[in-house]
Protein backbone atom coordinates (compact mmCIF):
# COMPACT_ATOMS: atom_id res chain seq x y z
CA MET A 1 49.97 -112.53 15.05
CA LEU A 2 48.89 -109.00 14.10
CA ASN A 3 51.13 -106.94 11.89
CA SER A 4 52.22 -103.40 12.84
CA ASN A 5 49.54 -101.59 10.84
CA THR A 6 46.76 -103.75 12.23
CA ARG A 7 47.96 -103.09 15.78
CA LYS A 8 48.00 -99.32 15.13
CA VAL A 9 44.45 -99.42 13.78
CA ALA A 10 43.26 -101.52 16.72
CA LEU A 11 44.92 -99.19 19.21
CA SER A 12 43.44 -96.13 17.49
CA LEU A 13 39.96 -97.66 17.61
CA ALA A 14 40.40 -98.49 21.30
CA VAL A 15 41.44 -94.91 22.08
CA VAL A 16 38.50 -93.45 20.14
CA ALA A 17 36.09 -95.81 21.91
CA GLY A 18 37.53 -94.89 25.31
CA VAL A 19 37.24 -91.17 24.67
CA SER A 20 33.68 -91.61 23.42
CA LEU A 21 32.70 -93.49 26.56
CA LEU A 22 34.21 -90.83 28.80
CA GLY A 23 32.42 -88.10 26.89
CA ALA A 24 29.10 -89.88 27.27
CA CYS A 25 29.30 -89.42 31.05
CA ALA A 26 29.34 -85.62 30.82
CA ASP A 27 26.13 -83.67 31.38
CA LYS A 28 24.41 -82.28 28.31
CA PRO A 29 25.08 -78.57 27.82
CA GLY A 30 22.07 -76.66 29.13
CA SER A 31 20.98 -79.40 31.56
CA GLU A 32 20.71 -78.83 35.31
CA GLY A 33 23.93 -80.73 36.08
CA TRP A 34 25.83 -78.83 33.39
CA CYS A 35 24.53 -75.49 34.70
CA GLU A 36 25.66 -76.41 38.21
CA ASP A 37 29.11 -77.41 36.93
CA MET A 38 29.44 -74.16 34.99
CA SER A 39 28.37 -72.09 38.01
CA ALA A 40 31.18 -73.67 40.02
CA LYS A 41 33.72 -73.04 37.24
CA SER A 42 35.53 -69.70 36.96
CA LYS A 43 33.88 -67.59 34.29
CA GLY A 44 37.34 -66.81 32.93
CA GLU A 45 37.64 -70.48 31.93
CA TRP A 46 34.38 -70.50 29.94
CA THR A 47 34.45 -70.64 26.16
CA GLY A 48 32.22 -68.35 24.12
CA ASP A 49 29.90 -71.24 23.31
CA GLU A 50 29.66 -72.20 26.99
CA ALA A 51 28.76 -68.62 27.96
CA LYS A 52 26.10 -68.50 25.24
CA THR A 53 24.61 -71.84 26.29
CA TYR A 54 24.70 -70.81 29.97
CA ALA A 55 22.85 -67.57 29.17
CA ALA A 56 20.26 -69.41 27.08
CA HIS A 57 19.58 -72.28 29.48
CA CYS A 58 20.83 -71.57 33.00
CA VAL A 59 19.70 -68.04 33.87
CA LEU A 60 15.98 -68.80 33.93
CA GLU A 61 14.89 -72.16 35.32
CA SER A 62 12.17 -72.46 32.69
CA THR A 63 14.87 -72.73 29.98
CA THR A 64 17.16 -75.13 31.86
CA ILE A 65 16.82 -78.43 30.02
CA GLY A 66 15.33 -81.02 32.35
CA SER A 67 14.22 -78.61 35.09
CA GLU A 68 10.72 -79.07 36.45
CA ALA A 69 9.63 -75.77 34.87
CA TRP A 70 11.15 -76.76 31.50
CA CYS A 71 9.33 -80.09 31.57
CA GLU A 72 6.03 -78.37 32.45
CA ASN A 73 6.47 -75.74 29.70
CA LEU A 74 7.27 -78.37 27.09
CA ASN A 75 4.39 -80.54 28.27
CA GLY A 76 2.06 -77.59 27.66
CA THR A 77 3.31 -77.23 24.07
CA PRO A 78 1.49 -79.28 21.42
CA LYS A 79 3.65 -82.32 20.69
CA GLY A 80 3.46 -81.64 16.96
CA GLU A 81 5.50 -78.47 17.58
CA TRP A 82 8.31 -80.25 19.45
CA THR A 83 11.70 -80.61 17.77
CA THR A 84 13.34 -84.02 17.58
CA GLN A 85 15.86 -82.85 20.19
CA GLU A 86 13.07 -81.71 22.52
CA VAL A 87 11.43 -85.14 22.23
CA ALA A 88 14.72 -86.84 23.15
CA ASP A 89 15.43 -84.42 26.02
CA TYR A 90 11.87 -84.73 27.36
CA ALA A 91 12.12 -88.52 27.34
CA LYS A 92 15.50 -88.45 29.09
CA TYR A 93 14.97 -85.69 31.65
CA CYS A 94 11.24 -85.55 32.22
CA VAL A 95 10.25 -89.21 31.96
CA VAL A 96 13.22 -91.49 32.64
CA ASP A 97 14.96 -89.31 35.27
CA GLN A 98 11.70 -88.71 37.16
CA VAL A 99 10.89 -92.42 37.18
CA THR A 100 14.35 -93.35 38.49
CA GLN A 101 14.30 -90.74 41.30
């Protein structure tokens, strides 16, 4: 049988794992889905960071992560100039998502 402290630790780990899984389902800030969600949300509910990300990635399609224009612009950039995050986003939004559609 588990003692009280062990049960508390196990429950805490289960809660953290559950929250992490739920968070993984959310769209990445700056992606097309995220921009659509933010457009539907009242601007009075936006945080400062959300407004900044929206302005940087959702106003012009060419800066919206995963948009066709974004993928084309990044594809035209020499791969040696890509950031690690751009490589990951390109793989997710421009390769995997296009293959699965």
